[in-house]
Amino acid sequence: MRNYRDSYTTVRNSVLGYLIRSGDAFSQLVNVVIFFSQNPNESISGRSYRLQGNWFWGKMMVLIDWIFSPIQDDHCKKAYCNDLERAKKLLGTA
């Protein structure tokens, strides 16, 4: 029985990781194509957090955090931190 649970957990984590990476890639694409971002490696959530002092992006941050509130607190802040970590890895400084 334990072997079945380990296999299930491995598959579940792989699928969940794939869905998260796909969602992040889609967010980056929309950020560039729809919102004309100059940074193709920044998510909409991360950009919203970074530019929260701007009227539009501040409202966007509130909306995104509200949408993700059932599953994650401070989503935009965490997305911003993830964007920074990804950049550090890309530069080899992480």
PDB file of N, CA and C in Angstrom:
ATOM      1  N   MET A   1       0.821  -1.191   0.000  1.00  0.00           N
ATOM      2  CA  MET A   1       0.000   0.000   0.000  1.00  0.00           C
ATOM      3  C   MET A   1       0.866   1.257   0.000  1.00  0.00           C
ATOM      4  N   ARG A   2       1.948   1.237   0.710  1.00  0.00           N
ATOM      5  CA  ARG A   2       2.818   2.398   0.801  1.00  0.00           C
ATOM      6  C   ARG A   2       3.413   2.745  -0.558  1.00  0.00           C
ATOM      7  N   ASN A   3       3.764   1.747  -1.340  1.00  0.00           N
ATOM      8  CA  ASN A   3       4.337   1.965  -2.651  1.00  0.00           C
ATOM      9  C   ASN A   3       3.337   2.694  -3.564  1.00  0.00           C
ATOM     10  N   TYR A   4       2.062   2.329  -3.469  1.00  0.00           N
ATOM     11  CA  TYR A   4       1.016   2.989  -4.241  1.00  0.00           C
ATOM     12  C   TYR A   4       0.916   4.459  -3.845  1.00  0.00           C
ATOM     13  N   ARG A   5       0.964   4.740  -2.554  1.00  0.00           N
ATOM     14  CA  ARG A   5       0.888   6.126  -2.073  1.00  0.00           C
ATOM     15  C   ARG A   5       2.088   6.936  -2.539  1.00  0.00           C
ATOM     16  N   ASP A   6       3.266   6.327  -2.496  1.00  0.00           N
ATOM     17  CA  ASP A   6       4.466   7.035  -2.962  1.00  0.00           C
ATOM     18  C   ASP A   6       4.363   7.359  -4.445  1.00  0.00           C
ATOM     19  N   SER A   7       3.863   6.410  -5.231  1.00  0.00           N
ATOM     20  CA  SER A   7       3.692   6.635  -6.666  1.00  0.00           C
ATOM     21  C   SER A   7       2.660   7.722  -6.923  1.00  0.00           C
ATOM     22  N   TYR A   8       1.567   7.678  -6.191  1.00  0.00           N
ATOM     23  CA  TYR A   8       0.520   8.691  -6.335  1.00  0.00           C
ATOM     24  C   TYR A   8       1.067  10.069  -5.996  1.00  0.00           C
ATOM     25  N   THR A   9       1.813  10.164  -4.909  1.00  0.00           N
ATOM     26  CA  THR A   9       2.382  11.448  -4.486  1.00  0.00           C
ATOM     27  C   THR A   9       3.355  11.977  -5.528  1.00  0.00           C
ATOM     28  N   THR A  10       4.166  11.109  -6.085  1.00  0.00           N
ATOM     29  CA  THR A  10       5.124  11.511  -7.110  1.00  0.00           C
ATOM     30  C   THR A  10       4.414  12.040  -8.348  1.00  0.00           C
ATOM     31  N   VAL A  11       3.396  11.331  -8.797  1.00  0.00           N
ATOM     32  CA  VAL A  11       2.640  11.760  -9.981  1.00  0.00           C
ATOM     33  C   VAL A  11       1.907  13.059  -9.695  1.00  0.00           C
ATOM     34  N   ARG A  12       1.262  13.151  -8.541  1.00  0.00           N
ATOM     35  CA  ARG A  12       0.528  14.363  -8.169  1.00  0.00           C
ATOM     36  C   ARG A  12       1.464  15.568  -8.134  1.00  0.00           C
ATOM     37  N   ASN A  13       2.622  15.415  -7.526  1.00  0.00           N
ATOM     38  CA  ASN A  13       3.579  16.521  -7.436  1.00  0.00           C
ATOM     39  C   ASN A  13       4.116  16.911  -8.812  1.00  0.00           C
ATOM     40  N   SER A  14       4.321  15.930  -9.680  1.00  0.00           N
ATOM     41  CA  SER A  14       4.790  16.221 -11.035  1.00  0.00           C
ATOM     42  C   SER A  14       3.738  16.996 -11.821  1.00  0.00           C
ATOM     43  N   VAL A  15       2.487  16.564 -11.734  1.00  0.00           N
ATOM     44  CA  VAL A  15       1.398  17.247 -12.441  1.00  0.00           C
ATOM     45  C   VAL A  15       1.195  18.645 -11.875  1.00  0.00           C
ATOM     46  N   LEU A  16       1.216  18.766 -10.564  1.00  0.00           N
ATOM     47  CA  LEU A  16       1.040  20.073  -9.932  1.00  0.00           C
ATOM     48  C   LEU A  16       2.171  21.020 -10.339  1.00  0.00           C
ATOM     49  N   GLY A  17       3.396  20.543 -10.341  1.00  0.00           N
ATOM     50  CA  GLY A  17       4.536  21.355 -10.767  1.00  0.00           C
ATOM     51  C   GLY A  17       4.397  21.798 -12.214  1.00  0.00           C
ATOM     52  N   TYR A  18       3.937  20.889 -13.074  1.00  0.00           N
ATOM     53  CA  TYR A  18       3.720  21.227 -14.481  1.00  0.00           C
ATOM     54  C   TYR A  18       2.653  22.313 -14.621  1.00  0.00           C
ATOM     55  N   LEU A  19       1.559  22.174 -13.892  1.00  0.00           N
ATOM     56  CA  LEU A  19       0.488  23.167 -13.970  1.00  0.00           C
ATOM     57  C   LEU A  19       0.947  24.541 -13.464  1.00  0.00           C
ATOM     58  N   ILE A  20       1.725  24.553 -12.403  1.00  0.00           N
ATOM     59  CA  ILE A  20       2.244  25.818 -11.873  1.00  0.00           C
ATOM     60  C   ILE A  20       3.189  26.470 -12.875  1.00  0.00           C
ATOM     61  N   ARG A  21       4.099  25.682 -13.466  1.00  0.00           N
ATOM     62  CA  ARG A  21       5.028  26.237 -14.461  1.00  0.00           C
ATOM     63  C   ARG A  21       4.279  26.737 -15.696  1.00  0.00           C
ATOM     64  N   SER A  22       3.263  25.999 -16.119  1.00  0.00           N
ATOM     65  CA  SER A  22       2.469  26.416 -17.280  1.00  0.00           C
ATOM     66  C   SER A  22       1.704  27.705 -16.985  1.00  0.00           C
ATOM     67  N   GLY A  23       1.126  27.807 -15.793  1.00  0.00           N
ATOM     68  CA  GLY A  23       0.423  29.020 -15.399  1.00  0.00           C
ATOM     69  C   GLY A  23       1.357  30.212 -15.332  1.00  0.00           C
ATOM     70  N   ASP A  24       2.554  29.988 -14.825  1.00  0.00           N
ATOM     71  CA  ASP A  24       3.538  31.060 -14.741  1.00  0.00           C
ATOM     72  C   ASP A  24       3.964  31.510 -16.137  1.00  0.00           C
ATOM     73  N   ALA A  25       4.193  30.550 -17.024  1.00  0.00           N
ATOM     74  CA  ALA A  25       4.575  30.890 -18.398  1.00  0.00           C
ATOM     75  C   ALA A  25       3.454  31.661 -19.101  1.00  0.00           C
ATOM     76  N   PHE A  26       2.212  31.252 -18.875  1.00  0.00           N
ATOM     77  CA  PHE A  26       1.074  31.949 -19.468  1.00  0.00           C
ATOM     78  C   PHE A  26       0.977  33.373 -18.930  1.00  0.00           C
ATOM     79  N   SER A  27       1.211  33.536 -17.635  1.00  0.00           N
ATOM     80  CA  SER A  27       1.181  34.857 -17.021  1.00  0.00           C
ATOM     81  C   SER A  27       2.254  35.757 -17.623  1.00  0.00           C
ATOM     82  N   GLN A  28       3.437  35.219 -17.850  1.00  0.00           N
ATOM     83  CA  GLN A  28       4.516  35.986 -18.461  1.00  0.00           C
ATOM     84  C   GLN A  28       4.162  36.378 -19.893  1.00  0.00           C
ATOM     85  N   LEU A  29       3.551  35.455 -20.629  1.00  0.00           N
ATOM     86  CA  LEU A  29       3.146  35.729 -22.004  1.00  0.00           C
ATOM     87  C   LEU A  29       2.108  36.850 -22.046  1.00  0.00           C
ATOM     88  N   VAL A  30       1.098  36.755 -21.201  1.00  0.00           N
ATOM     89  CA  VAL A  30       0.054  37.791 -21.160  1.00  0.00           C
ATOM     90  C   VAL A  30       0.656  39.123 -20.749  1.00  0.00           C
ATOM     91  N   ASN A  31       1.594  39.105 -19.815  1.00  0.00           N
ATOM     92  CA  ASN A  31       2.242  40.330 -19.363  1.00  0.00           C
ATOM     93  C   ASN A  31       2.946  41.038 -20.524  1.00  0.00           C
ATOM     94  N   VAL A  32       3.549  40.276 -21.415  1.00  0.00           N
ATOM     95  CA  VAL A  32       4.255  40.866 -22.554  1.00  0.00           C
ATOM     96  C   VAL A  32       3.284  41.238 -23.674  1.00  0.00           C
ATOM     97  N   VAL A  33       2.392  40.332 -24.030  1.00  0.00           N
ATOM     98  CA  VAL A  33       1.530  40.533 -25.199  1.00  0.00           C
ATOM     99  C   VAL A  33       0.394  41.515 -24.931  1.00  0.00           C
ATOM    100  N   ILE A  34      -0.258  41.403 -23.792  1.00  0.00           N
ATOM    101  CA  ILE A  34      -1.420  42.244 -23.484  1.00  0.00           C
ATOM    102  C   ILE A  34      -1.002  43.543 -22.787  1.00  0.00           C
ATOM    103  N   PHE A  35      -0.074  43.441 -21.833  1.00  0.00           N
ATOM    104  CA  PHE A  35       0.298  44.608 -21.030  1.00  0.00           C
ATOM    105  C   PHE A  35       1.625  45.246 -21.465  1.00  0.00           C
ATOM    106  N   PHE A  36       2.164  44.802 -22.610  1.00  0.00           N
ATOM    107  CA  PHE A  36       3.343  45.409 -23.236  1.00  0.00           C
ATOM    108  C   PHE A  36       4.553  45.528 -22.307  1.00  0.00           C
ATOM    109  N   SER A  37       4.787  44.505 -21.508  1.00  0.00           N
ATOM    110  CA  SER A  37       5.945  44.519 -20.616  1.00  0.00           C
ATOM    111  C   SER A  37       7.238  44.421 -21.414  1.00  0.00           C
ATOM    112  N   GLN A  38       8.266  45.075 -20.914  1.00  0.00           N
ATOM    113  CA  GLN A  38       9.596  44.985 -21.514  1.00  0.00           C
ATOM    114  C   GLN A  38      10.376  43.790 -20.959  1.00  0.00           C
ATOM    115  N   ASN A  39       9.862  43.169 -19.906  1.00  0.00           N
ATOM    116  CA  ASN A  39      10.536  42.057 -19.243  1.00  0.00           C
ATOM    117  C   ASN A  39       9.763  40.761 -19.485  1.00  0.00           C
ATOM    118  N   PRO A  40      10.252  39.887 -20.354  1.00  0.00           N
ATOM    119  CA  PRO A  40       9.525  38.658 -20.654  1.00  0.00           C
ATOM    120  C   PRO A  40       9.590  37.611 -19.538  1.00  0.00           C
ATOM    121  N   ASN A  41      10.361  37.860 -18.493  1.00  0.00           N
ATOM    122  CA  ASN A  41      10.478  36.901 -17.397  1.00  0.00           C
ATOM    123  C   ASN A  41       9.723  37.316 -16.152  1.00  0.00           C
ATOM    124  N   GLU A  42       8.839  38.285 -16.275  1.00  0.00           N
ATOM    125  CA  GLU A  42       8.099  38.778 -15.115  1.00  0.00           C
ATOM    126  C   GLU A  42       6.626  38.395 -15.252  1.00  0.00           C
ATOM    127  N   SER A  43       6.074  37.843 -14.191  1.00  0.00           N
ATOM    128  CA  SER A  43       4.655  37.481 -14.193  1.00  0.00           C
ATOM    129  C   SER A  43       3.794  38.714 -13.950  1.00  0.00           C
ATOM    130  N   ILE A  44       2.527  38.603 -14.283  1.00  0.00           N
ATOM    131  CA  ILE A  44       1.595  39.700 -14.015  1.00  0.00           C
ATOM    132  C   ILE A  44       1.522  39.959 -12.513  1.00  0.00           C
ATOM    133  N   SER A  45       1.493  38.909 -11.725  1.00  0.00           N
ATOM    134  CA  SER A  45       1.408  39.066 -10.274  1.00  0.00           C
ATOM    135  C   SER A  45       2.640  39.760  -9.718  1.00  0.00           C
ATOM    136  N   GLY A  46       3.822  39.338 -10.167  1.00  0.00           N
ATOM    137  CA  GLY A  46       5.054  39.971  -9.720  1.00  0.00           C
ATOM    138  C   GLY A  46       5.132  41.432 -10.126  1.00  0.00           C
ATOM    139  N   ARG A  47       4.682  41.719 -11.333  1.00  0.00           N
ATOM    140  CA  ARG A  47       4.681  43.102 -11.800  1.00  0.00           C
ATOM    141  C   ARG A  47       3.697  43.945 -10.995  1.00  0.00           C
ATOM    142  N   SER A  48       2.559  43.353 -10.673  1.00  0.00           N
ATOM    143  CA  SER A  48       1.566  44.065  -9.868  1.00  0.00           C
ATOM    144  C   SER A  48       2.132  44.428  -8.506  1.00  0.00           C
ATOM    145  N   TYR A  49       2.853  43.504  -7.894  1.00  0.00           N
ATOM    146  CA  TYR A  49       3.454  43.787  -6.591  1.00  0.00           C
ATOM    147  C   TYR A  49       4.532  44.862  -6.720  1.00  0.00           C
ATOM    148  N   ARG A  50       5.392  44.716  -7.729  1.00  0.00           N
ATOM    149  CA  ARG A  50       6.501  45.668  -7.914  1.00  0.00           C
ATOM    150  C   ARG A  50       5.989  47.084  -8.172  1.00  0.00           C
ATOM    151  N   LEU A  51       4.888  47.198  -8.901  1.00  0.00           N
ATOM    152  CA  LEU A  51       4.367  48.513  -9.275  1.00  0.00           C
ATOM    153  C   LEU A  51       3.090  48.876  -8.516  1.00  0.00           C
ATOM    154  N   GLN A  52       2.936  48.353  -7.322  1.00  0.00           N
ATOM    155  CA  GLN A  52       1.693  48.560  -6.580  1.00  0.00           C
ATOM    156  C   GLN A  52       1.386  50.012  -6.277  1.00  0.00           C
ATOM    157  N   GLY A  53       2.370  50.896  -6.325  1.00  0.00           N
ATOM    158  CA  GLY A  53       2.130  52.315  -6.116  1.00  0.00           C
ATOM    159  C   GLY A  53       1.423  52.983  -7.294  1.00  0.00           C
ATOM    160  N   ASN A  54       1.460  52.347  -8.452  1.00  0.00           N
ATOM    161  CA  ASN A  54       0.765  52.829  -9.638  1.00  0.00           C
ATOM    162  C   ASN A  54      -0.719  52.488  -9.501  1.00  0.00           C
ATOM    163  N   TRP A  55      -1.603  53.392  -9.911  1.00  0.00           N
ATOM    164  CA  TRP A  55      -3.042  53.174  -9.738  1.00  0.00           C
ATOM    165  C   TRP A  55      -3.498  51.853 -10.356  1.00  0.00           C
ATOM    166  N   PHE A  56      -3.170  51.633 -11.642  1.00  0.00           N
ATOM    167  CA  PHE A  56      -3.631  50.417 -12.335  1.00  0.00           C
ATOM    168  C   PHE A  56      -3.064  49.157 -11.694  1.00  0.00           C
ATOM    169  N   TRP A  57      -1.752  49.131 -11.499  1.00  0.00           N
ATOM    170  CA  TRP A  57      -1.118  47.918 -10.983  1.00  0.00           C
ATOM    171  C   TRP A  57      -1.476  47.666  -9.519  1.00  0.00           C
ATOM    172  N   GLY A  58      -1.730  48.716  -8.769  1.00  0.00           N
ATOM    173  CA  GLY A  58      -2.203  48.544  -7.396  1.00  0.00           C
ATOM    174  C   GLY A  58      -3.563  47.870  -7.358  1.00  0.00           C
ATOM    175  N   LYS A  59      -4.465  48.301  -8.245  1.00  0.00           N
ATOM    176  CA  LYS A  59      -5.798  47.661  -8.339  1.00  0.00           C
ATOM    177  C   LYS A  59      -5.659  46.226  -8.834  1.00  0.00           C
ATOM    178  N   MET A  60      -4.742  46.009  -9.782  1.00  0.00           N
ATOM    179  CA  MET A  60      -4.512  44.660 -10.302  1.00  0.00           C
ATOM    180  C   MET A  60      -4.004  43.740  -9.187  1.00  0.00           C
ATOM    181  N   MET A  61      -3.111  44.253  -8.343  1.00  0.00           N
ATOM    182  CA  MET A  61      -2.590  43.452  -7.235  1.00  0.00           C
ATOM    183  C   MET A  61      -3.714  43.055  -6.280  1.00  0.00           C
ATOM    184  N   VAL A  62      -4.584  44.000  -5.944  1.00  0.00           N
ATOM    185  CA  VAL A  62      -5.708  43.700  -5.048  1.00  0.00           C
ATOM    186  C   VAL A  62      -6.598  42.629  -5.673  1.00  0.00           C
ATOM    187  N   LEU A  63      -6.889  42.762  -6.962  1.00  0.00           N
ATOM    188  CA  LEU A  63      -7.740  41.787  -7.653  1.00  0.00           C
ATOM    189  C   LEU A  63      -7.097  40.400  -7.679  1.00  0.00           C
ATOM    190  N   ILE A  64      -5.829  40.336  -8.059  1.00  0.00           N
ATOM    191  CA  ILE A  64      -5.143  39.039  -8.148  1.00  0.00           C
ATOM    192  C   ILE A  64      -5.039  38.391  -6.770  1.00  0.00           C
ATOM    193  N   ASP A  65      -4.660  39.172  -5.752  1.00  0.00           N
ATOM    194  CA  ASP A  65      -4.577  38.621  -4.396  1.00  0.00           C
ATOM    195  C   ASP A  65      -5.939  38.111  -3.935  1.00  0.00           C
ATOM    196  N   TRP A  66      -7.007  38.819  -4.308  1.00  0.00           N
ATOM    197  CA  TRP A  66      -8.362  38.374  -3.942  1.00  0.00           C
ATOM    198  C   TRP A  66      -8.709  37.063  -4.644  1.00  0.00           C
ATOM    199  N   ILE A  67      -8.366  36.945  -5.934  1.00  0.00           N
ATOM    200  CA  ILE A  67      -8.650  35.716  -6.690  1.00  0.00           C
ATOM    201  C   ILE A  67      -7.921  34.526  -6.086  1.00  0.00           C
ATOM    202  N   PHE A  68      -6.669  34.723  -5.697  1.00  0.00           N
ATOM    203  CA  PHE A  68      -5.856  33.622  -5.162  1.00  0.00           C
ATOM    204  C   PHE A  68      -6.020  33.425  -3.656  1.00  0.00           C
ATOM    205  N   SER A  69      -6.791  34.289  -2.985  1.00  0.00           N
ATOM    206  CA  SER A  69      -6.899  34.218  -1.523  1.00  0.00           C
ATOM    207  C   SER A  69      -7.380  32.874  -0.973  1.00  0.00           C
ATOM    208  N   PRO A  70      -8.240  32.127  -1.675  1.00  0.00           N
ATOM    209  CA  PRO A  70      -8.630  30.827  -1.106  1.00  0.00           C
ATOM    210  C   PRO A  70      -7.481  29.811  -1.039  1.00  0.00           C
ATOM    211  N   ILE A  71      -6.452  29.998  -1.871  1.00  0.00           N
ATOM    212  CA  ILE A  71      -5.374  29.007  -1.900  1.00  0.00           C
ATOM    213  C   ILE A  71      -4.014  29.546  -1.465  1.00  0.00           C
ATOM    214  N   GLN A  72      -3.848  30.890  -1.447  1.00  0.00           N
ATOM    215  CA  GLN A  72      -2.536  31.441  -1.079  1.00  0.00           C
ATOM    216  C   GLN A  72      -2.685  32.878  -0.589  1.00  0.00           C
ATOM    217  N   ASP A  73      -2.088  33.164   0.549  1.00  0.00           N
ATOM    218  CA  ASP A  73      -2.042  34.536   1.052  1.00  0.00           C
ATOM    219  C   ASP A  73      -0.897  35.282   0.374  1.00  0.00           C
ATOM    220  N   ASP A  74      -1.062  36.572   0.158  1.00  0.00           N
ATOM    221  CA  ASP A  74      -0.021  37.433  -0.413  1.00  0.00           C
ATOM    222  C   ASP A  74       0.560  36.862  -1.713  1.00  0.00           C
ATOM    223  N   HIS A  75      -0.328  36.446  -2.608  1.00  0.00           N
ATOM    224  CA  HIS A  75       0.108  35.808  -3.856  1.00  0.00           C
ATOM    225  C   HIS A  75       1.066  36.697  -4.653  1.00  0.00           C
ATOM    226  N   CYS A  76       0.727  37.965  -4.824  1.00  0.00           N
ATOM    227  CA  CYS A  76       1.562  38.843  -5.655  1.00  0.00           C
ATOM    228  C   CYS A  76       2.955  39.029  -5.063  1.00  0.00           C
ATOM    229  N   LYS A  77       3.039  39.171  -3.759  1.00  0.00           N
ATOM    230  CA  LYS A  77       4.349  39.307  -3.116  1.00  0.00           C
ATOM    231  C   LYS A  77       5.177  38.043  -3.314  1.00  0.00           C
ATOM    232  N   LYS A  78       4.548  36.882  -3.168  1.00  0.00           N
ATOM    233  CA  LYS A  78       5.259  35.611  -3.360  1.00  0.00           C
ATOM    234  C   LYS A  78       5.673  35.441  -4.818  1.00  0.00           C
ATOM    235  N   ALA A  79       4.811  35.868  -5.748  1.00  0.00           N
ATOM    236  CA  ALA A  79       5.149  35.786  -7.170  1.00  0.00           C
ATOM    237  C   ALA A  79       6.343  36.695  -7.483  1.00  0.00           C
ATOM    238  N   TYR A  80       6.360  37.875  -6.887  1.00  0.00           N
ATOM    239  CA  TYR A  80       7.477  38.799  -7.067  1.00  0.00           C
ATOM    240  C   TYR A  80       8.775  38.164  -6.562  1.00  0.00           C
ATOM    241  N   CYS A  81       8.728  37.564  -5.391  1.00  0.00           N
ATOM    242  CA  CYS A  81       9.916  36.891  -4.841  1.00  0.00           C
ATOM    243  C   CYS A  81      10.349  35.736  -5.740  1.00  0.00           C
ATOM    244  N   ASN A  82       9.398  34.994  -6.286  1.00  0.00           N
ATOM    245  CA  ASN A  82       9.721  33.904  -7.217  1.00  0.00           C
ATOM    246  C   ASN A  82      10.354  34.447  -8.493  1.00  0.00           C
ATOM    247  N   ASP A  83       9.842  35.579  -8.994  1.00  0.00           N
ATOM    248  CA  ASP A  83      10.441  36.206 -10.174  1.00  0.00           C
ATOM    249  C   ASP A  83      11.898  36.582  -9.894  1.00  0.00           C
ATOM    250  N   LEU A  84      12.164  37.133  -8.714  1.00  0.00           N
ATOM    251  CA  LEU A  84      13.535  37.494  -8.353  1.00  0.00           C
ATOM    252  C   LEU A  84      14.435  36.268  -8.254  1.00  0.00           C
ATOM    253  N   GLU A  85      13.932  35.206  -7.644  1.00  0.00           N
ATOM    254  CA  GLU A  85      14.729  33.973  -7.517  1.00  0.00           C
ATOM    255  C   GLU A  85      15.048  33.378  -8.880  1.00  0.00           C
ATOM    256  N   ARG A  86      14.069  33.391  -9.790  1.00  0.00           N
ATOM    257  CA  ARG A  86      14.285  32.896 -11.142  1.00  0.00           C
ATOM    258  C   ARG A  86      15.356  33.728 -11.841  1.00  0.00           C
ATOM    259  N   ALA A  87      15.335  35.034 -11.653  1.00  0.00           N
ATOM    260  CA  ALA A  87      16.337  35.907 -12.267  1.00  0.00           C
ATOM    261  C   ALA A  87      17.729  35.622 -11.699  1.00  0.00           C
ATOM    262  N   LYS A  88      17.794  35.410 -10.381  1.00  0.00           N
ATOM    263  CA  LYS A  88      19.088  35.088  -9.766  1.00  0.00           C
ATOM    264  C   LYS A  88      19.650  33.789 -10.307  1.00  0.00           C
ATOM    265  N   LYS A  89      18.785  32.782 -10.473  1.00  0.00           N
ATOM    266  CA  LYS A  89      19.239  31.498 -11.030  1.00  0.00           C
ATOM    267  C   LYS A  89      19.730  31.684 -12.462  1.00  0.00           C
ATOM    268  N   LEU A  90      19.019  32.482 -13.223  1.00  0.00           N
ATOM    269  CA  LEU A  90      19.403  32.740 -14.610  1.00  0.00           C
ATOM    270  C   LEU A  90      20.767  33.411 -14.683  1.00  0.00           C
ATOM    271  N   LEU A  91      21.022  34.320 -13.748  1.00  0.00           N
ATOM    272  CA  LEU A  91      22.313  35.022 -13.710  1.00  0.00           C
ATOM    273  C   LEU A  91      23.406  34.219 -13.013  1.00  0.00           C
ATOM    274  N   GLY A  92      23.018  33.126 -12.358  1.00  0.00           N
ATOM    275  CA  GLY A  92      23.997  32.299 -11.673  1.00  0.00           C
ATOM    276  C   GLY A  92      24.425  32.867 -10.335  1.00  0.00           C
ATOM    277  N   THR A  93      23.586  33.719  -9.733  1.00  0.00           N
ATOM    278  CA  THR A  93      23.934  34.326  -8.452  1.00  0.00           C
ATOM    279  C   THR A  93      23.130  33.743  -7.295  1.00  0.00           C
ATOM    280  N   ALA A  94      22.338  32.722  -7.570  1.00  0.00           N
ATOM    281  CA  ALA A  94      21.532  32.117  -6.500  1.00  0.00           C
ATOM    282  C   ALA A  94      22.193  30.890  -5.955  1.00  0.00           C
TER     283      ALA A  94
END
